[in-house]
């Protein structure tokens, strides 16, 4: 996931799944790399929309490398602090 547009598409898909109040499992096992801009576009903006508590309760990550999950966590934390654009 290297282009911001990919993040827009993933966020839209996740938002559809979350619309009914479900918990969504995001499988990162097949993701080799993600840019900070894609992570922000997808997960950062989603976290800002849902709020910190709801985001962490309703989005569950499985698989993926620790580097990948740390990047997503970093971007989400920055977005929730108001540093995202």
PDB file of N, CA and C in Angstrom:
ATOM      1  N   UNK A   1       0.850  -1.171   0.000  1.00  0.00           N
ATOM      2  CA  UNK A   1       0.000   0.000   0.000  1.00  0.00           C
ATOM      3  C   UNK A   1       0.894   1.233   0.000  1.00  0.00           C
ATOM      4  N   UNK A   2       1.116   1.748  -1.188  1.00  0.00           N
ATOM      5  CA  UNK A   2       2.083   2.829  -1.305  1.00  0.00           C
ATOM      6  C   UNK A   2       1.509   4.142  -1.822  1.00  0.00           C
ATOM      7  N   UNK A   3       0.283   4.153  -2.326  1.00  0.00           N
ATOM      8  CA  UNK A   3      -0.315   5.381  -2.847  1.00  0.00           C
ATOM      9  C   UNK A   3      -1.484   5.795  -1.958  1.00  0.00           C
ATOM     10  N   UNK A   4      -1.567   7.092  -1.682  1.00  0.00           N
ATOM     11  CA  UNK A   4      -2.619   7.617  -0.800  1.00  0.00           C
ATOM     12  C   UNK A   4      -4.004   7.168  -1.256  1.00  0.00           C
ATOM     13  N   UNK A   5      -4.204   7.051  -2.555  1.00  0.00           N
ATOM     14  CA  UNK A   5      -5.501   6.624  -3.088  1.00  0.00           C
ATOM     15  C   UNK A   5      -5.886   5.234  -2.563  1.00  0.00           C
ATOM     16  N   UNK A   6      -4.895   4.384  -2.343  1.00  0.00           N
ATOM     17  CA  UNK A   6      -5.168   3.059  -1.785  1.00  0.00           C
ATOM     18  C   UNK A   6      -5.739   3.190  -0.376  1.00  0.00           C
ATOM     19  N   UNK A   7      -5.238   4.139   0.377  1.00  0.00           N
ATOM     20  CA  UNK A   7      -5.750   4.384   1.724  1.00  0.00           C
ATOM     21  C   UNK A   7      -7.190   4.861   1.710  1.00  0.00           C
ATOM     22  N   UNK A   8      -7.528   5.689   0.729  1.00  0.00           N
ATOM     23  CA  UNK A   8      -8.906   6.170   0.589  1.00  0.00           C
ATOM     24  C   UNK A   8      -9.840   4.984   0.347  1.00  0.00           C
ATOM     25  N   UNK A   9      -9.436   4.084  -0.549  1.00  0.00           N
ATOM     26  CA  UNK A   9     -10.262   2.922  -0.883  1.00  0.00           C
ATOM     27  C   UNK A   9     -10.430   1.990   0.319  1.00  0.00           C
ATOM     28  N   UNK A  10      -9.349   1.748   1.042  1.00  0.00           N
ATOM     29  CA  UNK A  10      -9.420   0.863   2.208  1.00  0.00           C
ATOM     30  C   UNK A  10     -10.287   1.501   3.295  1.00  0.00           C
ATOM     31  N   UNK A  11     -10.126   2.813   3.511  1.00  0.00           N
ATOM     32  CA  UNK A  11     -10.937   3.503   4.530  1.00  0.00           C
ATOM     33  C   UNK A  11     -12.427   3.420   4.190  1.00  0.00           C
ATOM     34  N   UNK A  12     -12.763   3.606   2.922  1.00  0.00           N
ATOM     35  CA  UNK A  12     -14.166   3.520   2.505  1.00  0.00           C
ATOM     36  C   UNK A  12     -14.731   2.127   2.757  1.00  0.00           C
ATOM     37  N   UNK A  13     -13.938   1.118   2.458  1.00  0.00           N
ATOM     38  CA  UNK A  13     -14.380  -0.261   2.686  1.00  0.00           C
ATOM     39  C   UNK A  13     -14.565  -0.540   4.185  1.00  0.00           C
ATOM     40  N   UNK A  14     -13.623  -0.088   4.989  1.00  0.00           N
ATOM     41  CA  UNK A  14     -13.734  -0.278   6.437  1.00  0.00           C
ATOM     42  C   UNK A  14     -14.928   0.480   7.009  1.00  0.00           C
ATOM     43  N   UNK A  15     -15.149   1.706   6.526  1.00  0.00           N
ATOM     44  CA  UNK A  15     -16.279   2.500   7.010  1.00  0.00           C
ATOM     45  C   UNK A  15     -17.598   1.798   6.723  1.00  0.00           C
ATOM     46  N   UNK A  16     -17.697   1.163   5.563  1.00  0.00           N
ATOM     47  CA  UNK A  16     -18.903   0.404   5.222  1.00  0.00           C
ATOM     48  C   UNK A  16     -19.100  -0.747   6.198  1.00  0.00           C
ATOM     49  N   UNK A  17     -18.027  -1.454   6.501  1.00  0.00           N
ATOM     50  CA  UNK A  17     -18.112  -2.583   7.434  1.00  0.00           C
ATOM     51  C   UNK A  17     -18.433  -2.127   8.856  1.00  0.00           C
ATOM     52  N   UNK A  18     -17.969  -0.943   9.218  1.00  0.00           N
ATOM     53  CA  UNK A  18     -18.178  -0.428  10.572  1.00  0.00           C
ATOM     54  C   UNK A  18     -19.546   0.233  10.756  1.00  0.00           C
ATOM     55  N   UNK A  19     -20.242   0.501   9.672  1.00  0.00           N
ATOM     56  CA  UNK A  19     -21.495   1.257   9.721  1.00  0.00           C
ATOM     57  C   UNK A  19     -22.549   0.622  10.619  1.00  0.00           C
ATOM     58  N   UNK A  20     -22.529  -0.690  10.744  1.00  0.00           N
ATOM     59  CA  UNK A  20     -23.543  -1.357  11.567  1.00  0.00           C
ATOM     60  C   UNK A  20     -23.083  -1.600  13.006  1.00  0.00           C
ATOM     61  N   UNK A  21     -21.955  -0.993  13.390  1.00  0.00           N
ATOM     62  CA  UNK A  21     -21.465  -1.146  14.748  1.00  0.00           C
ATOM     63  C   UNK A  21     -20.568  -2.347  14.969  1.00  0.00           C
ATOM     64  N   UNK A  22     -20.207  -3.029  13.891  1.00  0.00           N
ATOM     65  CA  UNK A  22     -19.382  -4.233  13.993  1.00  0.00           C
ATOM     66  C   UNK A  22     -17.955  -3.932  14.425  1.00  0.00           C
ATOM     67  N   UNK A  23     -17.300  -4.984  14.890  1.00  0.00           N
ATOM     68  CA  UNK A  23     -15.856  -4.966  15.101  1.00  0.00           C
ATOM     69  C   UNK A  23     -15.249  -5.540  13.821  1.00  0.00           C
ATOM     70  N   UNK A  24     -14.224  -4.879  13.306  1.00  0.00           N
ATOM     71  CA  UNK A  24     -13.619  -5.288  12.045  1.00  0.00           C
ATOM     72  C   UNK A  24     -12.187  -5.759  12.291  1.00  0.00           C
ATOM     73  N   UNK A  25     -11.882  -6.918  11.763  1.00  0.00           N
ATOM     74  CA  UNK A  25     -10.539  -7.474  11.843  1.00  0.00           C
ATOM     75  C   UNK A  25      -9.797  -7.130  10.551  1.00  0.00           C
ATOM     76  N   UNK A  26      -8.661  -6.463  10.687  1.00  0.00           N
ATOM     77  CA  UNK A  26      -7.835  -6.080   9.545  1.00  0.00           C
ATOM     78  C   UNK A  26      -6.629  -7.005   9.519  1.00  0.00           C
ATOM     79  N   UNK A  27      -6.543  -7.818   8.479  1.00  0.00           N
ATOM     80  CA  UNK A  27      -5.450  -8.777   8.343  1.00  0.00           C
ATOM     81  C   UNK A  27      -4.306  -8.132   7.569  1.00  0.00           C
ATOM     82  N   UNK A  28      -3.191  -7.929   8.244  1.00  0.00           N
ATOM     83  CA  UNK A  28      -2.021  -7.285   7.634  1.00  0.00           C
ATOM     84  C   UNK A  28      -0.997  -8.297   7.123  1.00  0.00           C
ATOM     85  N   UNK A  29      -1.315  -9.567   7.183  1.00  0.00           N
ATOM     86  CA  UNK A  29      -0.346 -10.615   6.853  1.00  0.00           C
ATOM     87  C   UNK A  29       0.225 -10.483   5.440  1.00  0.00           C
ATOM     88  N   UNK A  30      -0.571 -10.056   4.497  1.00  0.00           N
ATOM     89  CA  UNK A  30      -0.118  -9.967   3.106  1.00  0.00           C
ATOM     90  C   UNK A  30       0.483  -8.604   2.757  1.00  0.00           C
ATOM     91  N   UNK A  31       0.478  -7.670   3.698  1.00  0.00           N
ATOM     92  CA  UNK A  31       0.988  -6.324   3.450  1.00  0.00           C
ATOM     93  C   UNK A  31       2.482  -6.302   3.747  1.00  0.00           C
ATOM     94  N   UNK A  32       3.258  -5.983   2.730  1.00  0.00           N
ATOM     95  CA  UNK A  32       4.712  -5.918   2.906  1.00  0.00           C
ATOM     96  C   UNK A  32       5.176  -4.538   3.331  1.00  0.00           C
ATOM     97  N   UNK A  33       4.492  -3.498   2.840  1.00  0.00           N
ATOM     98  CA  UNK A  33       4.917  -2.137   3.137  1.00  0.00           C
ATOM     99  C   UNK A  33       3.707  -1.211   3.056  1.00  0.00           C
ATOM    100  N   UNK A  34       3.757  -0.149   3.833  1.00  0.00           N
ATOM    101  CA  UNK A  34       2.725   0.883   3.803  1.00  0.00           C
ATOM    102  C   UNK A  34       3.422   2.205   4.079  1.00  0.00           C
ATOM    103  N   UNK A  35       3.032   3.230   3.348  1.00  0.00           N
ATOM    104  CA  UNK A  35       3.631   4.543   3.578  1.00  0.00           C
ATOM    105  C   UNK A  35       2.865   5.250   4.696  1.00  0.00           C
ATOM    106  N   UNK A  36       3.516   6.182   5.369  1.00  0.00           N
ATOM    107  CA  UNK A  36       2.811   6.946   6.398  1.00  0.00           C
ATOM    108  C   UNK A  36       1.574   7.659   5.845  1.00  0.00           C
ATOM    109  N   UNK A  37       1.642   8.156   4.610  1.00  0.00           N
ATOM    110  CA  UNK A  37       0.483   8.854   4.056  1.00  0.00           C
ATOM    111  C   UNK A  37      -0.694   7.913   3.832  1.00  0.00           C
ATOM    112  N   UNK A  38      -0.427   6.684   3.413  1.00  0.00           N
ATOM    113  CA  UNK A  38      -1.507   5.704   3.247  1.00  0.00           C
ATOM    114  C   UNK A  38      -2.077   5.315   4.606  1.00  0.00           C
ATOM    115  N   UNK A  39      -1.210   5.085   5.580  1.00  0.00           N
ATOM    116  CA  UNK A  39      -1.672   4.735   6.924  1.00  0.00           C
ATOM    117  C   UNK A  39      -2.540   5.844   7.499  1.00  0.00           C
ATOM    118  N   UNK A  40      -2.148   7.105   7.279  1.00  0.00           N
ATOM    119  CA  UNK A  40      -2.936   8.226   7.772  1.00  0.00           C
ATOM    120  C   UNK A  40      -4.260   8.321   7.036  1.00  0.00           C
ATOM    121  N   UNK A  41      -4.218   8.203   5.728  1.00  0.00           N
ATOM    122  CA  UNK A  41      -5.442   8.314   4.929  1.00  0.00           C
ATOM    123  C   UNK A  41      -6.456   7.255   5.332  1.00  0.00           C
ATOM    124  N   UNK A  42      -5.991   6.077   5.611  1.00  0.00           N
ATOM    125  CA  UNK A  42      -6.883   4.986   5.972  1.00  0.00           C
ATOM    126  C   UNK A  42      -7.182   4.962   7.464  1.00  0.00           C
ATOM    127  N   UNK A  43      -6.194   4.677   8.248  1.00  0.00           N
ATOM    128  CA  UNK A  43      -6.401   4.444   9.668  1.00  0.00           C
ATOM    129  C   UNK A  43      -6.430   5.721  10.506  1.00  0.00           C
ATOM    130  N   UNK A  44      -5.598   6.698  10.156  1.00  0.00           N
ATOM    131  CA  UNK A  44      -5.586   7.956  10.904  1.00  0.00           C
ATOM    132  C   UNK A  44      -6.915   8.692  10.801  1.00  0.00           C
ATOM    133  N   UNK A  45      -7.410   8.859   9.595  1.00  0.00           N
ATOM    134  CA  UNK A  45      -8.684   9.553   9.408  1.00  0.00           C
ATOM    135  C   UNK A  45      -9.841   8.759   9.985  1.00  0.00           C
ATOM    136  N   UNK A  46      -9.771   7.456   9.892  1.00  0.00           N
ATOM    137  CA  UNK A  46     -10.811   6.610  10.478  1.00  0.00           C
ATOM    138  C   UNK A  46     -10.819   6.760  11.998  1.00  0.00           C
ATOM    139  N   UNK A  47      -9.637   6.785  12.607  1.00  0.00           N
ATOM    140  CA  UNK A  47      -9.532   6.963  14.055  1.00  0.00           C
ATOM    141  C   UNK A  47     -10.077   8.327  14.474  1.00  0.00           C
ATOM    142  N   UNK A  48      -9.779   9.357  13.691  1.00  0.00           N
ATOM    143  CA  UNK A  48     -10.282  10.693  14.005  1.00  0.00           C
ATOM    144  C   UNK A  48     -11.807  10.731  13.934  1.00  0.00           C
ATOM    145  N   UNK A  49     -12.370  10.021  12.982  1.00  0.00           N
ATOM    146  CA  UNK A  49     -13.821   9.991  12.832  1.00  0.00           C
ATOM    147  C   UNK A  49     -14.507   9.190  13.945  1.00  0.00           C
ATOM    148  N   UNK A  50     -13.921   8.055  14.291  1.00  0.00           N
ATOM    149  CA  UNK A  50     -14.524   7.185  15.306  1.00  0.00           C
ATOM    150  C   UNK A  50     -14.233   7.638  16.728  1.00  0.00           C
ATOM    151  N   UNK A  51     -13.105   8.305  16.922  1.00  0.00           N
ATOM    152  CA  UNK A  51     -12.640   8.642  18.262  1.00  0.00           C
ATOM    153  C   UNK A  51     -11.724   7.543  18.765  1.00  0.00           C
ATOM    154  N   UNK A  52     -10.859   7.904  19.678  1.00  0.00           N
ATOM    155  CA  UNK A  52      -9.821   6.997  20.172  1.00  0.00           C
ATOM    156  C   UNK A  52     -10.392   5.689  20.721  1.00  0.00           C
ATOM    157  N   UNK A  53     -11.328   5.788  21.641  1.00  0.00           N
ATOM    158  CA  UNK A  53     -11.853   4.595  22.301  1.00  0.00           C
ATOM    159  C   UNK A  53     -12.560   3.671  21.318  1.00  0.00           C
ATOM    160  N   UNK A  54     -13.440   4.225  20.520  1.00  0.00           N
ATOM    161  CA  UNK A  54     -14.196   3.410  19.560  1.00  0.00           C
ATOM    162  C   UNK A  54     -13.263   2.786  18.527  1.00  0.00           C
ATOM    163  N   UNK A  55     -12.301   3.555  18.039  1.00  0.00           N
ATOM    164  CA  UNK A  55     -11.345   3.029  17.055  1.00  0.00           C
ATOM    165  C   UNK A  55     -10.626   1.807  17.624  1.00  0.00           C
ATOM    166  N   UNK A  56     -10.096   1.930  18.823  1.00  0.00           N
ATOM    167  CA  UNK A  56      -9.316   0.826  19.395  1.00  0.00           C
ATOM    168  C   UNK A  56     -10.179  -0.370  19.799  1.00  0.00           C
ATOM    169  N   UNK A  57     -11.455  -0.152  20.053  1.00  0.00           N
ATOM    170  CA  UNK A  57     -12.357  -1.263  20.364  1.00  0.00           C
ATOM    171  C   UNK A  57     -12.867  -1.960  19.107  1.00  0.00           C
ATOM    172  N   UNK A  58     -13.024  -1.203  18.013  1.00  0.00           N
ATOM    173  CA  UNK A  58     -13.709  -1.738  16.836  1.00  0.00           C
ATOM    174  C   UNK A  58     -12.801  -2.146  15.692  1.00  0.00           C
ATOM    175  N   UNK A  59     -11.531  -1.729  15.711  1.00  0.00           N
ATOM    176  CA  UNK A  59     -10.569  -2.120  14.677  1.00  0.00           C
ATOM    177  C   UNK A  59      -9.538  -3.023  15.339  1.00  0.00           C
ATOM    178  N   UNK A  60      -9.446  -4.251  14.868  1.00  0.00           N
ATOM    179  CA  UNK A  60      -8.512  -5.228  15.426  1.00  0.00           C
ATOM    180  C   UNK A  60      -7.545  -5.648  14.320  1.00  0.00           C
ATOM    181  N   UNK A  61      -6.267  -5.454  14.565  1.00  0.00           N
ATOM    182  CA  UNK A  61      -5.248  -5.842  13.589  1.00  0.00           C
ATOM    183  C   UNK A  61      -4.716  -7.226  13.909  1.00  0.00           C
ATOM    184  N   UNK A  62      -4.550  -8.035  12.869  1.00  0.00           N
ATOM    185  CA  UNK A  62      -3.925  -9.354  13.004  1.00  0.00           C
ATOM    186  C   UNK A  62      -2.845  -9.475  11.944  1.00  0.00           C
ATOM    187  N   UNK A  63      -1.835 -10.283  12.241  1.00  0.00           N
ATOM    188  CA  UNK A  63      -0.746 -10.486  11.284  1.00  0.00           C
ATOM    189  C   UNK A  63       0.076  -9.226  11.104  1.00  0.00           C
ATOM    190  N   UNK A  64       0.925  -9.262  10.123  1.00  0.00           N
ATOM    191  CA  UNK A  64       1.774  -8.106   9.842  1.00  0.00           C
ATOM    192  C   UNK A  64       2.995  -8.068  10.736  1.00  0.00           C
ATOM    193  N   UNK A  65       3.955  -7.293  10.321  1.00  0.00           N
ATOM    194  CA  UNK A  65       5.195  -7.154  11.073  1.00  0.00           C
ATOM    195  C   UNK A  65       5.036  -6.129  12.183  1.00  0.00           C
ATOM    196  N   UNK A  66       5.915  -6.188  13.155  1.00  0.00           N
ATOM    197  CA  UNK A  66       5.865  -5.202  14.233  1.00  0.00           C
ATOM    198  C   UNK A  66       6.156  -3.801  13.697  1.00  0.00           C
ATOM    199  N   UNK A  67       6.991  -3.685  12.685  1.00  0.00           N
ATOM    200  CA  UNK A  67       7.279  -2.390  12.074  1.00  0.00           C
ATOM    201  C   UNK A  67       6.016  -1.794  11.463  1.00  0.00           C
ATOM    202  N   UNK A  68       5.260  -2.611  10.786  1.00  0.00           N
ATOM    203  CA  UNK A  68       4.016  -2.175  10.157  1.00  0.00           C
ATOM    204  C   UNK A  68       3.011  -1.702  11.205  1.00  0.00           C
ATOM    205  N   UNK A  69       2.817  -2.469  12.250  1.00  0.00           N
ATOM    206  CA  UNK A  69       1.848  -2.082  13.272  1.00  0.00           C
ATOM    207  C   UNK A  69       2.317  -0.861  14.059  1.00  0.00           C
ATOM    208  N   UNK A  70       3.619  -0.739  14.271  1.00  0.00           N
ATOM    209  CA  UNK A  70       4.141   0.458  14.957  1.00  0.00           C
ATOM    210  C   UNK A  70       3.909   1.706  14.114  1.00  0.00           C
ATOM    211  N   UNK A  71       4.093   1.603  12.802  1.00  0.00           N
ATOM    212  CA  UNK A  71       3.856   2.737  11.918  1.00  0.00           C
ATOM    213  C   UNK A  71       2.389   3.154  11.982  1.00  0.00           C
ATOM    214  N   UNK A  72       1.492   2.198  11.891  1.00  0.00           N
ATOM    215  CA  UNK A  72       0.055   2.514  11.953  1.00  0.00           C
ATOM    216  C   UNK A  72      -0.279   3.150  13.298  1.00  0.00           C
ATOM    217  N   UNK A  73       0.218   2.593  14.388  1.00  0.00           N
ATOM    218  CA  UNK A  73      -0.036   3.156  15.717  1.00  0.00           C
ATOM    219  C   UNK A  73       0.491   4.584  15.834  1.00  0.00           C
ATOM    220  N   UNK A  74       1.673   4.839  15.297  1.00  0.00           N
ATOM    221  CA  UNK A  74       2.282   6.171  15.334  1.00  0.00           C
ATOM    222  C   UNK A  74       1.424   7.179  14.581  1.00  0.00           C
ATOM    223  N   UNK A  75       1.013   6.811  13.374  1.00  0.00           N
ATOM    224  CA  UNK A  75       0.211   7.704  12.537  1.00  0.00           C
ATOM    225  C   UNK A  75      -1.145   7.987  13.191  1.00  0.00           C
ATOM    226  N   UNK A  76      -1.764   6.955  13.724  1.00  0.00           N
ATOM    227  CA  UNK A  76      -3.061   7.127  14.396  1.00  0.00           C
ATOM    228  C   UNK A  76      -2.915   8.042  15.608  1.00  0.00           C
ATOM    229  N   UNK A  77      -1.888   7.833  16.404  1.00  0.00           N
ATOM    230  CA  UNK A  77      -1.669   8.677  17.584  1.00  0.00           C
ATOM    231  C   UNK A  77      -1.479  10.135  17.188  1.00  0.00           C
ATOM    232  N   UNK A  78      -0.717  10.376  16.127  1.00  0.00           N
ATOM    233  CA  UNK A  78      -0.515  11.749  15.656  1.00  0.00           C
ATOM    234  C   UNK A  78      -1.815  12.361  15.159  1.00  0.00           C
ATOM    235  N   UNK A  79      -2.602  11.592  14.440  1.00  0.00           N
ATOM    236  CA  UNK A  79      -3.881  12.092  13.930  1.00  0.00           C
ATOM    237  C   UNK A  79      -4.811  12.432  15.101  1.00  0.00           C
ATOM    238  N   UNK A  80      -4.848  11.575  16.095  1.00  0.00           N
ATOM    239  CA  UNK A  80      -5.725  11.818  17.247  1.00  0.00           C
ATOM    240  C   UNK A  80      -5.268  13.017  18.077  1.00  0.00           C
ATOM    241  N   UNK A  81      -3.988  13.328  18.032  1.00  0.00           N
ATOM    242  CA  UNK A  81      -3.463  14.515  18.727  1.00  0.00           C
ATOM    243  C   UNK A  81      -3.705  15.775  17.916  1.00  0.00           C
ATOM    244  N   UNK A  82      -4.213  15.625  16.683  1.00  0.00           N
ATOM    245  CA  UNK A  82      -4.488  16.779  15.842  1.00  0.00           C
ATOM    246  C   UNK A  82      -3.342  17.188  14.940  1.00  0.00           C
ATOM    247  N   UNK A  83      -2.352  16.304  14.772  1.00  0.00           N
ATOM    248  CA  UNK A  83      -1.213  16.638  13.930  1.00  0.00           C
ATOM    249  C   UNK A  83      -1.373  16.173  12.496  1.00  0.00           C
ATOM    250  N   UNK A  84      -2.423  15.442  12.198  1.00  0.00           N
ATOM    251  CA  UNK A  84      -2.634  14.972  10.819  1.00  0.00           C
ATOM    252  C   UNK A  84      -3.233  16.066   9.972  1.00  0.00           C
ATOM    253  N   UNK A  85      -3.020  15.956   8.679  1.00  0.00           N
ATOM    254  CA  UNK A  85      -3.559  16.993   7.763  1.00  0.00           C
ATOM    255  C   UNK A  85      -4.809  16.499   7.095  1.00  0.00           C
TER     256      UNK A  85
END
